[in-house]
Amino acid sequence: MAASVSFSRVRALPTWSSSVSGSGDDHQSYSVVAMSERPRRSSARPLRSPAQMMGNVNAGKGLFAPLVVVARNIIGRKRFNQLRGKAIALHSQVITEFCKTIGADSKQRQGLIRLAKKNGEKLGFLA
């Protein structure tokens, strides 16, 4: 029995015991639940906040961070990110070939790639 009676902002719902017992409508006990409405926004802005990128916790730290920052400022952020992406892809390929050589499975390969990323963060390559 999923009957509900609605009064403006208050809704009466049958209790669990009344729905289990299967008693008639005139003998059911009701619990009253207050329904609160969210205030409506007047602006046409989206409800979601803009997506935030996950940042590197070691940004600006590490042995190579100053070198990485200087290189990024010299060649520009867009070109730098392209080169960084190519370097990461090449390094992942080297790790994959190494895993094939030693006979490691894909789970171990993924672990090595994650370890390489963590080491790169600590050393400042991802600054």
Protein backbone atom coordinates (compact mmCIF):
# COMPACT_ATOMS: atom_id res chain seq x y z
CA MET A 1 0.00 0.00 0.00
CA ALA A 2 1.77 3.10 -1.18
CA ALA A 3 -1.01 5.59 -0.65
CA SER A 4 0.03 9.04 0.41
CA VAL A 5 -2.03 12.10 1.14
CA SER A 6 -0.40 15.40 0.38
CA PHE A 7 -1.26 18.75 2.03
CA SER A 8 0.71 21.68 0.65
CA ARG A 9 4.10 20.97 2.25
CA VAL A 10 3.09 18.18 4.63
CA ARG A 11 2.71 14.60 3.47
CA ALA A 12 1.08 11.82 5.48
CA LEU A 13 2.53 8.40 4.82
CA PRO A 14 1.34 5.04 6.13
CA THR A 15 3.62 3.54 8.76
CA TRP A 16 5.50 0.28 8.29
CA SER A 17 3.25 -1.62 10.69
CA SER A 18 0.08 -0.61 8.89
CA SER A 19 1.42 -1.65 5.50
CA VAL A 20 2.60 -5.03 6.82
CA SER A 21 -0.59 -5.83 8.67
CA GLY A 22 -2.69 -5.09 5.60
CA SER A 23 -5.44 -3.47 7.66
CA GLY A 24 -8.07 -1.36 5.93
CA ASP A 25 -7.70 2.33 5.15
CA ASP A 26 -9.83 3.47 8.09
CA HIS A 27 -7.59 1.68 10.63
CA GLN A 28 -4.18 2.71 9.29
CA SER A 29 -1.95 4.95 11.34
CA TYR A 30 -0.14 7.67 9.47
CA SER A 31 3.13 9.40 10.14
CA VAL A 32 3.47 13.00 9.06
CA VAL A 33 6.62 14.04 7.27
CA ALA A 34 7.35 17.69 6.63
CA MET A 35 8.63 18.28 3.13
CA SER A 36 10.82 21.31 2.73
CA GLU A 37 11.32 22.82 -0.68
CA ARG A 38 14.61 24.30 -1.75
CA PRO A 39 14.49 28.02 -2.43
CA ARG A 40 14.44 28.70 -6.14
CA ARG A 41 17.36 30.49 -7.67
CA SER A 42 16.58 33.61 -9.62
CA SER A 43 19.70 33.61 -11.78
CA ALA A 44 20.22 31.49 -14.87
CA ARG A 45 23.61 30.24 -13.66
CA PRO A 46 24.18 26.48 -13.60
CA LEU A 47 23.66 24.71 -10.30
CA ARG A 48 27.01 22.91 -10.47
CA SER A 49 30.24 24.62 -9.65
CA PRO A 50 32.89 24.55 -12.36
CA ALA A 51 34.93 21.37 -12.47
CA GLN A 52 38.05 21.61 -10.40
CA MET A 53 41.16 19.82 -11.52
CA MET A 54 42.95 17.62 -9.08
CA GLY A 55 46.21 19.31 -8.28
CA ASN A 56 49.57 17.84 -7.50
CA VAL A 57 50.13 17.89 -3.74
CA ASN A 58 53.85 18.27 -4.38
CA ALA A 59 53.46 21.18 -6.81
CA GLY A 60 56.50 23.40 -6.59
CA LYS A 61 58.35 20.84 -4.49
CA GLY A 62 60.93 18.32 -5.52
CA LEU A 63 64.38 18.40 -7.00
CA PHE A 64 63.32 19.08 -10.59
CA ALA A 65 60.34 21.39 -9.93
CA PRO A 66 62.21 24.67 -10.59
CA LEU A 67 63.56 23.32 -13.88
CA VAL A 68 60.08 22.16 -14.91
CA VAL A 69 58.55 25.56 -14.08
CA VAL A 70 61.22 27.45 -16.03
CA ALA A 71 60.81 25.15 -19.05
CA ARG A 72 57.03 25.57 -18.93
CA ASN A 73 57.37 29.36 -18.83
CA ILE A 74 59.83 29.40 -21.74
CA ILE A 75 58.00 27.13 -24.20
CA GLY A 76 54.44 27.87 -23.09
CA ARG A 77 51.91 25.84 -21.18
CA LYS A 78 50.15 24.26 -24.18
CA ARG A 79 53.33 23.04 -25.89
CA PHE A 80 54.79 21.98 -22.54
CA ASN A 81 51.75 19.84 -21.75
CA GLN A 82 51.97 18.23 -25.19
CA LEU A 83 55.62 17.33 -24.63
CA ARG A 84 54.89 16.11 -21.12
CA GLY A 85 52.09 13.89 -22.44
CA LYS A 86 54.40 12.39 -25.07
CA ALA A 87 57.08 11.75 -22.44
CA ILE A 88 54.59 10.06 -20.11
CA ALA A 89 53.26 7.90 -22.96
CA LEU A 90 56.79 6.91 -23.97
CA HIS A 91 57.68 6.03 -20.38
CA SER A 92 54.51 3.93 -20.06
CA GLN A 93 55.52 2.06 -23.23
CA VAL A 94 58.97 1.39 -21.79
CA ILE A 95 57.37 0.04 -18.60
CA THR A 96 55.02 -2.14 -20.70
CA GLU A 97 57.92 -3.58 -22.71
CA PHE A 98 59.84 -4.23 -19.50
CA CYS A 99 56.84 -6.09 -18.05
CA LYS A 100 56.55 -8.20 -21.21
CA THR A 101 60.25 -9.05 -20.96
CA ILE A 102 60.07 -10.23 -17.36
CA GLY A 103 56.62 -11.82 -17.75
CA ALA A 104 54.70 -9.52 -15.38
CA ASP A 105 50.91 -9.45 -15.65
CA SER A 106 48.81 -6.36 -16.37
CA LYS A 107 48.06 -5.73 -12.69
CA GLN A 108 51.77 -5.53 -11.90
CA ARG A 109 52.28 -3.29 -14.95
CA GLN A 110 49.61 -0.88 -13.73
CA GLY A 111 51.25 -0.87 -10.31
CA LEU A 112 54.59 0.08 -11.86
CA ILE A 113 52.98 2.88 -13.88
CA ARG A 114 51.30 4.24 -10.73
CA LEU A 115 54.62 4.04 -8.89
CA ALA A 116 56.32 5.97 -11.71
CA LYS A 117 53.66 8.68 -11.44
CA LYS A 118 54.11 8.97 -7.67
CA ASN A 119 57.89 9.16 -8.05
CA GLY A 120 57.50 11.82 -10.75
CA GLU A 121 55.31 13.87 -8.41
CA LYS A 122 57.80 13.58 -5.56
CA LEU A 123 60.74 14.53 -7.77
CA GLY A 124 58.90 17.55 -9.17
CA PHE A 125 58.43 16.41 -12.76
CA LEU A 126 54.68 17.08 -12.50
CA ALA A 127 55.06 20.57 -11.01
